[in-house]
C-alpha atoms as a PDB file:
ATOM      1  CA  UNK A   1      -1.616  29.099  27.160  1.00  0.00           C
ATOM      2  CA  UNK A   2       1.357  30.974  28.505  1.00  0.00           C
ATOM      3  CA  UNK A   3       0.399  34.363  30.006  1.00  0.00           C
ATOM      4  CA  UNK A   4       2.093  37.605  28.844  1.00  0.00           C
ATOM      5  CA  UNK A   5       2.021  41.376  28.958  1.00  0.00           C
ATOM      6  CA  UNK A   6       2.558  43.224  25.750  1.00  0.00           C
ATOM      7  CA  UNK A   7       2.089  46.753  24.526  1.00  0.00           C
ATOM      8  CA  UNK A   8       2.448  49.061  21.596  1.00  0.00           C
ATOM      9  CA  UNK A   9       2.335  52.886  21.122  1.00  0.00           C
ATOM     10  CA  UNK A  10       0.715  54.617  18.143  1.00  0.00           C
ATOM     11  CA  UNK A  11       1.323  58.433  17.573  1.00  0.00           C
ATOM     12  CA  UNK A  12      -2.184  59.778  16.425  1.00  0.00           C
ATOM     13  CA  UNK A  13      -0.594  63.212  15.600  1.00  0.00           C
ATOM     14  CA  UNK A  14       1.338  61.604  12.579  1.00  0.00           C
ATOM     15  CA  UNK A  15      -0.761  58.336  12.151  1.00  0.00           C
ATOM     16  CA  UNK A  16       2.172  56.165  12.624  1.00  0.00           C
ATOM     17  CA  UNK A  17       3.818  53.862  15.227  1.00  0.00           C
ATOM     18  CA  UNK A  18       5.743  55.625  18.026  1.00  0.00           C
ATOM     19  CA  UNK A  19       9.418  54.356  17.938  1.00  0.00           C
ATOM     20  CA  UNK A  20      11.907  55.080  20.685  1.00  0.00           C
ATOM     21  CA  UNK A  21       9.383  55.490  23.536  1.00  0.00           C
ATOM     22  CA  UNK A  22      10.770  54.563  27.072  1.00  0.00           C
ATOM     23  CA  UNK A  23       8.440  51.975  28.535  1.00  0.00           C
ATOM     24  CA  UNK A  24       8.701  50.787  32.221  1.00  0.00           C
ATOM     25  CA  UNK A  25       6.844  47.979  33.788  1.00  0.00           C
ATOM     26  CA  UNK A  26       6.142  48.241  37.594  1.00  0.00           C
ATOM     27  CA  UNK A  27       4.683  45.709  40.017  1.00  0.00           C
ATOM     28  CA  UNK A  28       2.875  46.412  43.184  1.00  0.00           C
ATOM     29  CA  UNK A  29       4.240  45.008  46.410  1.00  0.00           C
ATOM     30  CA  UNK A  30       2.585  43.880  49.508  1.00  0.00           C
ATOM     31  CA  UNK A  31       2.713  47.490  50.878  1.00  0.00           C
ATOM     32  CA  UNK A  32       1.093  49.126  47.899  1.00  0.00           C
ATOM     33  CA  UNK A  33       4.278  50.477  46.661  1.00  0.00           C
ATOM     34  CA  UNK A  34       5.568  49.785  43.100  1.00  0.00           C
ATOM     35  CA  UNK A  35       8.844  48.332  42.035  1.00  0.00           C
ATOM     36  CA  UNK A  36      10.286  48.547  38.601  1.00  0.00           C
ATOM     37  CA  UNK A  37      10.678  45.099  36.958  1.00  0.00           C
ATOM     38  CA  UNK A  38      11.381  45.915  33.285  1.00  0.00           C
ATOM     39  CA  UNK A  39      12.634  48.710  30.991  1.00  0.00           C
ATOM     40  CA  UNK A  40      12.219  48.568  27.243  1.00  0.00           C
ATOM     41  CA  UNK A  41      12.033  50.914  24.316  1.00  0.00           C
ATOM     42  CA  UNK A  42       9.558  50.608  21.359  1.00  0.00           C
ATOM     43  CA  UNK A  43      10.894  49.646  18.012  1.00  0.00           C
ATOM     44  CA  UNK A  44      10.092  51.051  14.543  1.00  0.00           C
ATOM     45  CA  UNK A  45       6.659  49.424  14.693  1.00  0.00           C
ATOM     46  CA  UNK A  46       5.849  50.997  18.092  1.00  0.00           C
ATOM     47  CA  UNK A  47       6.092  47.562  19.786  1.00  0.00           C
ATOM     48  CA  UNK A  48       8.641  46.014  22.051  1.00  0.00           C
ATOM     49  CA  UNK A  49      10.904  43.316  20.730  1.00  0.00           C
ATOM     50  CA  UNK A  50       9.653  40.948  23.450  1.00  0.00           C
ATOM     51  CA  UNK A  51       6.847  40.853  26.004  1.00  0.00           C
ATOM     52  CA  UNK A  52       7.069  43.069  29.164  1.00  0.00           C
ATOM     53  CA  UNK A  53       6.443  39.925  31.119  1.00  0.00           C
ATOM     54  CA  UNK A  54       5.505  36.426  30.371  1.00  0.00           C
ATOM     55  CA  UNK A  55       5.373  32.840  31.737  1.00  0.00           C
ATOM     56  CA  UNK A  56       6.063  32.086  35.338  1.00  0.00           C
ATOM     57  CA  UNK A  57       7.108  35.683  35.971  1.00  0.00           C
ATOM     58  CA  UNK A  58       3.355  36.790  35.839  1.00  0.00           C
ATOM     59  CA  UNK A  59       1.584  36.830  39.066  1.00  0.00           C
ATOM     60  CA  UNK A  60      -1.941  37.943  40.108  1.00  0.00           C
ATOM     61  CA  UNK A  61      -1.796  41.530  41.182  1.00  0.00           C
ATOM     62  CA  UNK A  62      -1.554  45.145  40.128  1.00  0.00           C
ATOM     63  CA  UNK A  63       0.987  46.480  37.679  1.00  0.00           C
ATOM     64  CA  UNK A  64       1.641  49.854  35.951  1.00  0.00           C
ATOM     65  CA  UNK A  65       3.192  50.614  32.632  1.00  0.00           C
ATOM     66  CA  UNK A  66       4.813  53.999  32.453  1.00  0.00           C
ATOM     67  CA  UNK A  67       5.219  55.577  29.022  1.00  0.00           C
ATOM     68  CA  UNK A  68       7.666  58.387  28.822  1.00  0.00           C
ATOM     69  CA  UNK A  69       6.000  60.306  25.968  1.00  0.00           C
ATOM     70  CA  UNK A  70       7.396  63.865  26.698  1.00  0.00           C
ATOM     71  CA  UNK A  71      10.883  62.707  25.704  1.00  0.00           C
ATOM     72  CA  UNK A  72       9.486  60.957  22.592  1.00  0.00           C
ATOM     73  CA  UNK A  73       7.660  64.169  21.385  1.00  0.00           C
ATOM     74  CA  UNK A  74      10.733  66.434  22.218  1.00  0.00           C
ATOM     75  CA  UNK A  75      12.927  64.083  20.196  1.00  0.00           C
ATOM     76  CA  UNK A  76      10.534  64.702  17.294  1.00  0.00           C
ATOM     77  CA  UNK A  77      11.235  68.490  17.626  1.00  0.00           C
ATOM     78  CA  UNK A  78       7.768  69.320  19.164  1.00  0.00           C
ATOM     79  CA  UNK A  79       7.544  72.106  21.772  1.00  0.00           C
ATOM     80  CA  UNK A  80       5.254  70.985  24.497  1.00  0.00           C
ATOM     81  CA  UNK A  81       5.354  73.893  26.921  1.00  0.00           C
ATOM     82  CA  UNK A  82       7.107  74.382  30.084  1.00  0.00           C
ATOM     83  CA  UNK A  83       6.190  72.064  31.867  1.00  0.00           C
ATOM     84  CA  UNK A  84       4.799  69.912  29.175  1.00  0.00           C
ATOM     85  CA  UNK A  85       1.106  68.679  29.527  1.00  0.00           C
ATOM     86  CA  UNK A  86       2.083  65.099  29.210  1.00  0.00           C
ATOM     87  CA  UNK A  87       5.426  63.778  30.419  1.00  0.00           C
ATOM     88  CA  UNK A  88       4.796  60.303  31.643  1.00  0.00           C
ATOM     89  CA  UNK A  89       1.616  58.361  31.067  1.00  0.00           C
ATOM     90  CA  UNK A  90       0.962  55.793  33.646  1.00  0.00           C
ATOM     91  CA  UNK A  91      -1.528  52.979  33.049  1.00  0.00           C
ATOM     92  CA  UNK A  92      -2.321  50.891  36.170  1.00  0.00           C
ATOM     93  CA  UNK A  93      -4.049  47.492  35.622  1.00  0.00           C
ATOM     94  CA  UNK A  94      -4.779  44.400  37.279  1.00  0.00           C
ATOM     95  CA  UNK A  95      -3.902  40.788  36.368  1.00  0.00           C
ATOM     96  CA  UNK A  96      -6.354  38.299  37.563  1.00  0.00           C
ATOM     97  CA  UNK A  97      -5.494  35.374  35.320  1.00  0.00           C
ATOM     98  CA  UNK A  98      -1.600  34.925  34.971  1.00  0.00           C
ATOM     99  CA  UNK A  99      -2.216  32.471  32.176  1.00  0.00           C
ATOM    100  CA  UNK A 100      -3.863  35.098  29.940  1.00  0.00           C
ATOM    101  CA  UNK A 101      -2.589  37.738  27.471  1.00  0.00           C
ATOM    102  CA  UNK A 102      -2.780  41.212  28.650  1.00  0.00           C
ATOM    103  CA  UNK A 103      -2.262  43.622  25.718  1.00  0.00           C
ATOM    104  CA  UNK A 104      -2.040  47.352  26.903  1.00  0.00           C
ATOM    105  CA  UNK A 105      -1.734  49.628  23.894  1.00  0.00           C
ATOM    106  CA  UNK A 106      -1.337  53.308  24.086  1.00  0.00           C
ATOM    107  CA  UNK A 107      -2.531  55.893  21.508  1.00  0.00           C
ATOM    108  CA  UNK A 108      -0.814  59.326  22.049  1.00  0.00           C
ATOM    109  CA  UNK A 109      -0.799  62.847  20.863  1.00  0.00           C
ATOM    110  CA  UNK A 110       0.790  65.948  22.507  1.00  0.00           C
ATOM    111  CA  UNK A 111      -2.541  66.843  24.089  1.00  0.00           C
ATOM    112  CA  UNK A 112      -3.922  63.467  25.030  1.00  0.00           C
ATOM    113  CA  UNK A 113      -3.939  59.727  25.232  1.00  0.00           C
ATOM    114  CA  UNK A 114      -6.200  56.659  25.090  1.00  0.00           C
ATOM    115  CA  UNK A 115      -5.835  53.028  26.030  1.00  0.00           C
ATOM    116  CA  UNK A 116      -7.875  49.857  26.058  1.00  0.00           C
ATOM    117  CA  UNK A 117      -7.328  46.023  26.717  1.00  0.00           C
ATOM    118  CA  UNK A 118      -6.302  44.713  23.424  1.00  0.00           C
ATOM    119  CA  UNK A 119      -5.775  41.304  22.096  1.00  0.00           C
END
């Protein structure tokens, strides 16, 4: 099995996939700082057109996916306050088995979010 990291974003406020969300993948270095390694946008299905990370590029360690939800909601014409309650949602997770599939979905609304390890 080839390992990979995937995600999708669902907008609970409208009950549909969230398209056009900027998604960044960051990897932890040896000094506990994070370096950006991938930038993507969700498609019409709220998913990415390809995995954030896969194959030999996956290594054991800590990663973080940053979802820029503030921009997404503003593009939909929603007033979020100034400053907005949610701007960027970071999800930090560990990869212990580089050969496994790590699916990290995000469920969003203007006032909150939820995630879990999917399949």
